[in-house]
C-alpha atoms as a PDB file:
ATOM      1  CA  MET A   1       0.329  20.798  19.354  1.00  0.00           C
ATOM      2  CA  LYS A   2      -0.269  24.453  19.960  1.00  0.00           C
ATOM      3  CA  PRO A   3      -0.805  27.302  17.477  1.00  0.00           C
ATOM      4  CA  ILE A   4       1.873  29.978  17.853  1.00  0.00           C
ATOM      5  CA  GLU A   5       2.384  33.553  16.694  1.00  0.00           C
ATOM      6  CA  PHE A   6       4.777  34.267  13.811  1.00  0.00           C
ATOM      7  CA  PRO A   7       6.114  37.487  12.232  1.00  0.00           C
ATOM      8  CA  GLU A   8       3.852  37.505   9.151  1.00  0.00           C
ATOM      9  CA  MET A   9       0.560  36.899  11.006  1.00  0.00           C
ATOM     10  CA  ASN A  10      -2.101  39.568  10.532  1.00  0.00           C
ATOM     11  CA  CYS A  11      -5.096  38.190  12.472  1.00  0.00           C
ATOM     12  CA  THR A  12      -6.144  35.858  15.276  1.00  0.00           C
ATOM     13  CA  PHE A  13      -9.180  33.634  14.779  1.00  0.00           C
ATOM     14  CA  ALA A  14     -11.360  32.778  17.818  1.00  0.00           C
ATOM     15  CA  LYS A  15      -9.620  35.482  19.847  1.00  0.00           C
ATOM     16  CA  ASN A  16     -12.683  36.036  22.055  1.00  0.00           C
ATOM     17  CA  GLN A  17     -14.074  32.495  21.970  1.00  0.00           C
ATOM     18  CA  PRO A  18     -12.908  30.709  25.135  1.00  0.00           C
ATOM     19  CA  GLN A  19     -14.200  27.336  23.897  1.00  0.00           C
ATOM     20  CA  TYR A  20     -11.470  27.362  21.195  1.00  0.00           C
ATOM     21  CA  LEU A  21      -7.723  27.980  21.120  1.00  0.00           C
ATOM     22  CA  PRO A  22      -6.924  31.379  19.587  1.00  0.00           C
ATOM     23  CA  LEU A  23      -5.429  30.793  16.123  1.00  0.00           C
ATOM     24  CA  PRO A  24      -2.781  33.329  15.041  1.00  0.00           C
ATOM     25  CA  ALA A  25      -2.744  33.344  11.243  1.00  0.00           C
ATOM     26  CA  LEU A  26      -1.843  35.087   8.025  1.00  0.00           C
ATOM     27  CA  ARG A  27      -5.037  35.710   6.063  1.00  0.00           C
ATOM     28  CA  GLU A  28      -4.284  36.489   2.429  1.00  0.00           C
ATOM     29  CA  GLN A  29      -6.466  38.164  -0.192  1.00  0.00           C
ATOM     30  CA  ASP A  30      -6.517  34.984  -2.317  1.00  0.00           C
ATOM     31  CA  GLY A  31      -8.310  33.111   0.502  1.00  0.00           C
ATOM     32  CA  HIS A  32      -5.281  31.243   1.850  1.00  0.00           C
ATOM     33  CA  VAL A  33      -4.953  31.148   5.629  1.00  0.00           C
ATOM     34  CA  THR A  34      -1.616  30.034   7.088  1.00  0.00           C
ATOM     35  CA  SER A  35      -0.983  29.188  10.736  1.00  0.00           C
ATOM     36  CA  CYS A  36       2.079  27.877  12.572  1.00  0.00           C
ATOM     37  CA  TRP A  37       1.977  25.132  15.192  1.00  0.00           C
ATOM     38  CA  ARG A  38       4.596  23.954  17.695  1.00  0.00           C
ATOM     39  CA  ALA A  39       4.725  20.354  18.857  1.00  0.00           C
ATOM     40  CA  ALA A  40       5.713  19.440  22.402  1.00  0.00           C
ATOM     41  CA  LEU A  41       8.828  17.308  22.819  1.00  0.00           C
ATOM     42  CA  ALA A  42       6.789  14.136  23.456  1.00  0.00           C
ATOM     43  CA  GLU A  43       4.756  14.812  20.280  1.00  0.00           C
ATOM     44  CA  ARG A  44       7.935  15.274  18.259  1.00  0.00           C
ATOM     45  CA  LEU A  45       9.369  11.994  19.521  1.00  0.00           C
ATOM     46  CA  TYR A  46       6.112  10.167  18.855  1.00  0.00           C
ATOM     47  CA  PHE A  47       6.011  11.514  15.299  1.00  0.00           C
ATOM     48  CA  LEU A  48       9.675  10.643  14.749  1.00  0.00           C
ATOM     49  CA  PHE A  49       9.003   7.002  15.585  1.00  0.00           C
ATOM     50  CA  THR A  50       5.525   6.551  14.081  1.00  0.00           C
ATOM     51  CA  GLY A  51       5.483   9.078  11.234  1.00  0.00           C
ATOM     52  CA  LYS A  52       1.774   9.579  11.954  1.00  0.00           C
ATOM     53  CA  MET A  53      -0.214  12.739  12.542  1.00  0.00           C
ATOM     54  CA  TRP A  54      -3.951  12.987  13.123  1.00  0.00           C
ATOM     55  CA  LEU A  55      -6.012  15.943  11.920  1.00  0.00           C
ATOM     56  CA  THR A  56      -9.548  16.723  13.084  1.00  0.00           C
ATOM     57  CA  GLN A  57     -11.434  19.411  11.211  1.00  0.00           C
ATOM     58  CA  MET A  58     -14.556  20.966  12.723  1.00  0.00           C
ATOM     59  CA  THR A  59     -16.960  21.545   9.828  1.00  0.00           C
ATOM     60  CA  PHE A  60     -20.194  21.995  11.836  1.00  0.00           C
ATOM     61  CA  GLY A  61     -21.999  20.190   9.008  1.00  0.00           C
ATOM     62  CA  SER A  62     -20.556  22.358   6.229  1.00  0.00           C
ATOM     63  CA  PRO A  63     -18.520  20.903   3.340  1.00  0.00           C
ATOM     64  CA  LEU A  64     -14.957  19.856   4.106  1.00  0.00           C
ATOM     65  CA  GLN A  65     -12.386  22.523   3.184  1.00  0.00           C
ATOM     66  CA  PRO A  66      -9.070  21.624   1.537  1.00  0.00           C
ATOM     67  CA  LEU A  67      -6.112  21.365   3.934  1.00  0.00           C
ATOM     68  CA  ARG A  68      -2.393  21.207   3.288  1.00  0.00           C
ATOM     69  CA  PRO A  69      -0.274  20.266   6.302  1.00  0.00           C
ATOM     70  CA  ALA A  70       3.419  21.034   5.833  1.00  0.00           C
ATOM     71  CA  ILE A  71       6.660  20.791   7.735  1.00  0.00           C
ATOM     72  CA  LEU A  72       8.469  23.502   5.750  1.00  0.00           C
ATOM     73  CA  LYS A  73       7.336  27.125   5.962  1.00  0.00           C
ATOM     74  CA  PRO A  74       5.359  28.040   2.828  1.00  0.00           C
ATOM     75  CA  VAL A  75       6.408  30.939   0.614  1.00  0.00           C
ATOM     76  CA  ILE A  76       4.615  33.997   1.938  1.00  0.00           C
ATOM     77  CA  LYS A  77       4.000  36.702  -0.638  1.00  0.00           C
ATOM     78  CA  LYS A  78       4.635  40.323   0.337  1.00  0.00           C
ATOM     79  CA  GLN A  79       1.342  42.209   0.310  1.00  0.00           C
END
């Protein structure tokens, strides 16, 4: 999967950090950060048949942050 740009995005995390993929995102005042990801065809087929997705979160020893994966686009409030 690859993070992709979307119309509502207002920042890009890790833009100048070559060891990471740049992460286009919408950073909201309430602390929510939303990003959009596109799966390759093979990934889509694999998910269709297995229904499984794996998620690795890099915490660097800090507490785990809440995550909410979704298939449908969340409601984005106008700022």
